[in-house]
Protein backbone atom coordinates (compact mmCIF):
# COMPACT_ATOMS: atom_id res chain seq x y z
CA MET A 1 70.58 -60.82 106.24
CA GLU A 2 72.38 -63.80 104.81
CA SER A 3 69.53 -64.52 102.37
CA MET A 4 69.79 -60.96 101.03
CA THR A 5 73.49 -61.54 100.41
CA LEU A 6 72.69 -64.73 98.53
CA GLU A 7 70.04 -62.94 96.48
CA ILE A 8 72.58 -60.29 95.49
CA SER A 9 75.06 -63.05 94.66
CA VAL A 10 72.50 -64.71 92.39
CA LEU A 11 71.75 -61.39 90.65
CA ARG A 12 75.45 -60.79 90.11
CA ALA A 13 75.93 -64.33 88.76
CA LEU A 14 73.04 -63.74 86.36
CA LEU A 15 74.70 -60.50 85.25
CA ARG A 16 78.01 -62.27 84.60
CA LEU A 17 76.25 -64.98 82.60
CA ALA A 18 74.32 -62.37 80.61
CA ARG A 19 77.54 -60.53 79.78
CA ARG A 20 78.97 -63.80 78.42
CA ARG A 21 75.69 -64.50 76.59
CA SER A 22 75.49 -67.84 78.37
CA PRO A 23 72.17 -69.40 79.38
CA ALA A 24 71.47 -69.03 83.09
CA THR A 25 70.46 -72.54 83.98
CA THR A 26 70.17 -73.77 87.55
CA SER A 27 73.34 -75.83 87.17
CA GLU A 28 75.28 -72.78 85.93
CA LEU A 29 74.04 -70.74 88.89
CA LEU A 30 74.93 -73.49 91.38
CA VAL A 31 78.52 -73.35 90.16
CA ARG A 32 78.69 -69.60 90.82
CA VAL A 33 76.66 -69.25 94.04
CA GLU A 34 77.30 -70.91 97.38
CA ALA A 35 73.86 -72.45 97.82
CA ASP A 36 72.25 -75.86 97.46
CA GLY A 37 69.60 -76.62 94.84
CA GLN A 38 66.54 -76.08 97.05
CA GLU A 39 67.87 -72.84 98.47
CA LEU A 40 68.68 -71.54 94.99
CA GLU A 41 65.13 -72.34 93.84
CA ARG A 42 63.69 -70.42 96.83
CA ILE A 43 65.94 -67.45 96.06
CA LEU A 44 64.93 -67.48 92.39
CA ASP A 45 61.25 -67.64 93.40
CA ARG A 46 61.70 -64.62 95.69
CA LEU A 47 63.52 -62.68 92.98
CA ALA A 48 60.77 -63.57 90.49
CA ARG A 49 58.06 -62.35 92.92
CA ALA A 50 60.01 -59.11 93.31
CA GLU A 51 60.12 -58.87 89.49
CA LEU A 52 63.93 -58.79 89.45
CA VAL A 53 64.17 -61.92 87.26
CA TYR A 54 62.08 -63.72 84.66
CA ARG A 55 61.90 -67.51 84.83
CA THR A 56 61.37 -69.36 81.56
CA GLU A 57 61.87 -72.90 80.33
CA ALA A 58 65.18 -71.84 78.79
CA GLY A 59 66.49 -70.48 82.10
CA THR A 60 66.40 -67.39 84.26
CA ARG A 61 66.86 -63.87 82.92
CA LEU A 62 67.36 -60.53 84.61
CA SER A 63 64.61 -57.94 84.37
CA LEU A 64 65.55 -54.30 83.94
CA GLY A 65 65.19 -53.77 87.69
CA GLY A 66 67.31 -56.84 88.39
CA LEU A 67 69.95 -55.56 86.00
CA ALA A 68 70.04 -52.24 87.85
CA VAL A 69 70.38 -53.91 91.25
CA ALA A 70 73.08 -56.30 90.01
CA ALA A 71 75.07 -53.52 88.35
CA ALA A 72 74.79 -51.26 91.40
CA SER A 73 76.02 -54.02 93.70
CA CYS A 74 79.17 -54.67 91.66
CA ALA A 75 82.49 -53.28 92.79
CA PRO A 76 83.48 -49.94 91.24
CA VAL A 77 85.48 -50.20 88.05
CA ARG A 78 89.17 -49.37 88.26
CA GLY A 79 89.97 -45.95 86.94
CA ALA A 80 86.64 -44.47 88.01
CA PRO A 81 88.29 -41.37 89.59
CA LYS A 82 89.94 -40.69 86.24
CA ALA A 83 86.50 -40.43 84.64
CA LYS A 84 85.51 -37.71 87.12
CA LYS A 85 88.62 -35.74 86.23
CA GLN A 86 87.75 -36.01 82.55
CA GLU A 87 84.22 -34.77 83.23
CA ALA A 88 85.57 -31.77 85.14
CA ALA A 89 87.98 -30.97 82.32
CA ALA A 90 85.16 -31.22 79.77
CA ARG A 91 83.03 -28.81 81.80
CA ALA A 92 85.93 -26.38 82.05
CA ARG A 93 86.18 -26.27 78.25
CA VAL A 94 82.56 -25.18 77.79
CA LEU A 95 82.46 -21.70 76.35
CA PRO A 96 80.34 -19.12 78.14
CA MET A 97 77.18 -18.01 76.41
CA VAL A 98 77.42 -14.71 74.57
CA ARG A 99 74.94 -12.06 75.57
CA ARG A 100 73.01 -10.50 72.77
CA ARG A 101 72.76 -6.78 72.67
CA ARG A 102 69.34 -5.26 72.76
CA ALA A 103 68.11 -3.62 69.64
CA ALA A 104 68.29 0.18 69.82
């Protein structure tokens, strides 16, 4: 179970680096994840086999699936309940459809 937690931590670190448009090198990931170099390489290999990341010479990048997993594992954004209230208010403002009368 601990390895799964580390894998999620690596995905989240990759997401943070991608948001900052910083290259995701091994040294950058080691700063952000509590793992040693060999363990990080094993985790990155597992994530690459699962097609959650792409490994290139320039560094590691999230795949679309990895992005989805990383975003879903992040804590909810503050003010999220407010968004639901706004959605409900927007639905309440929708005008009912007008029925057409049949031709005589």
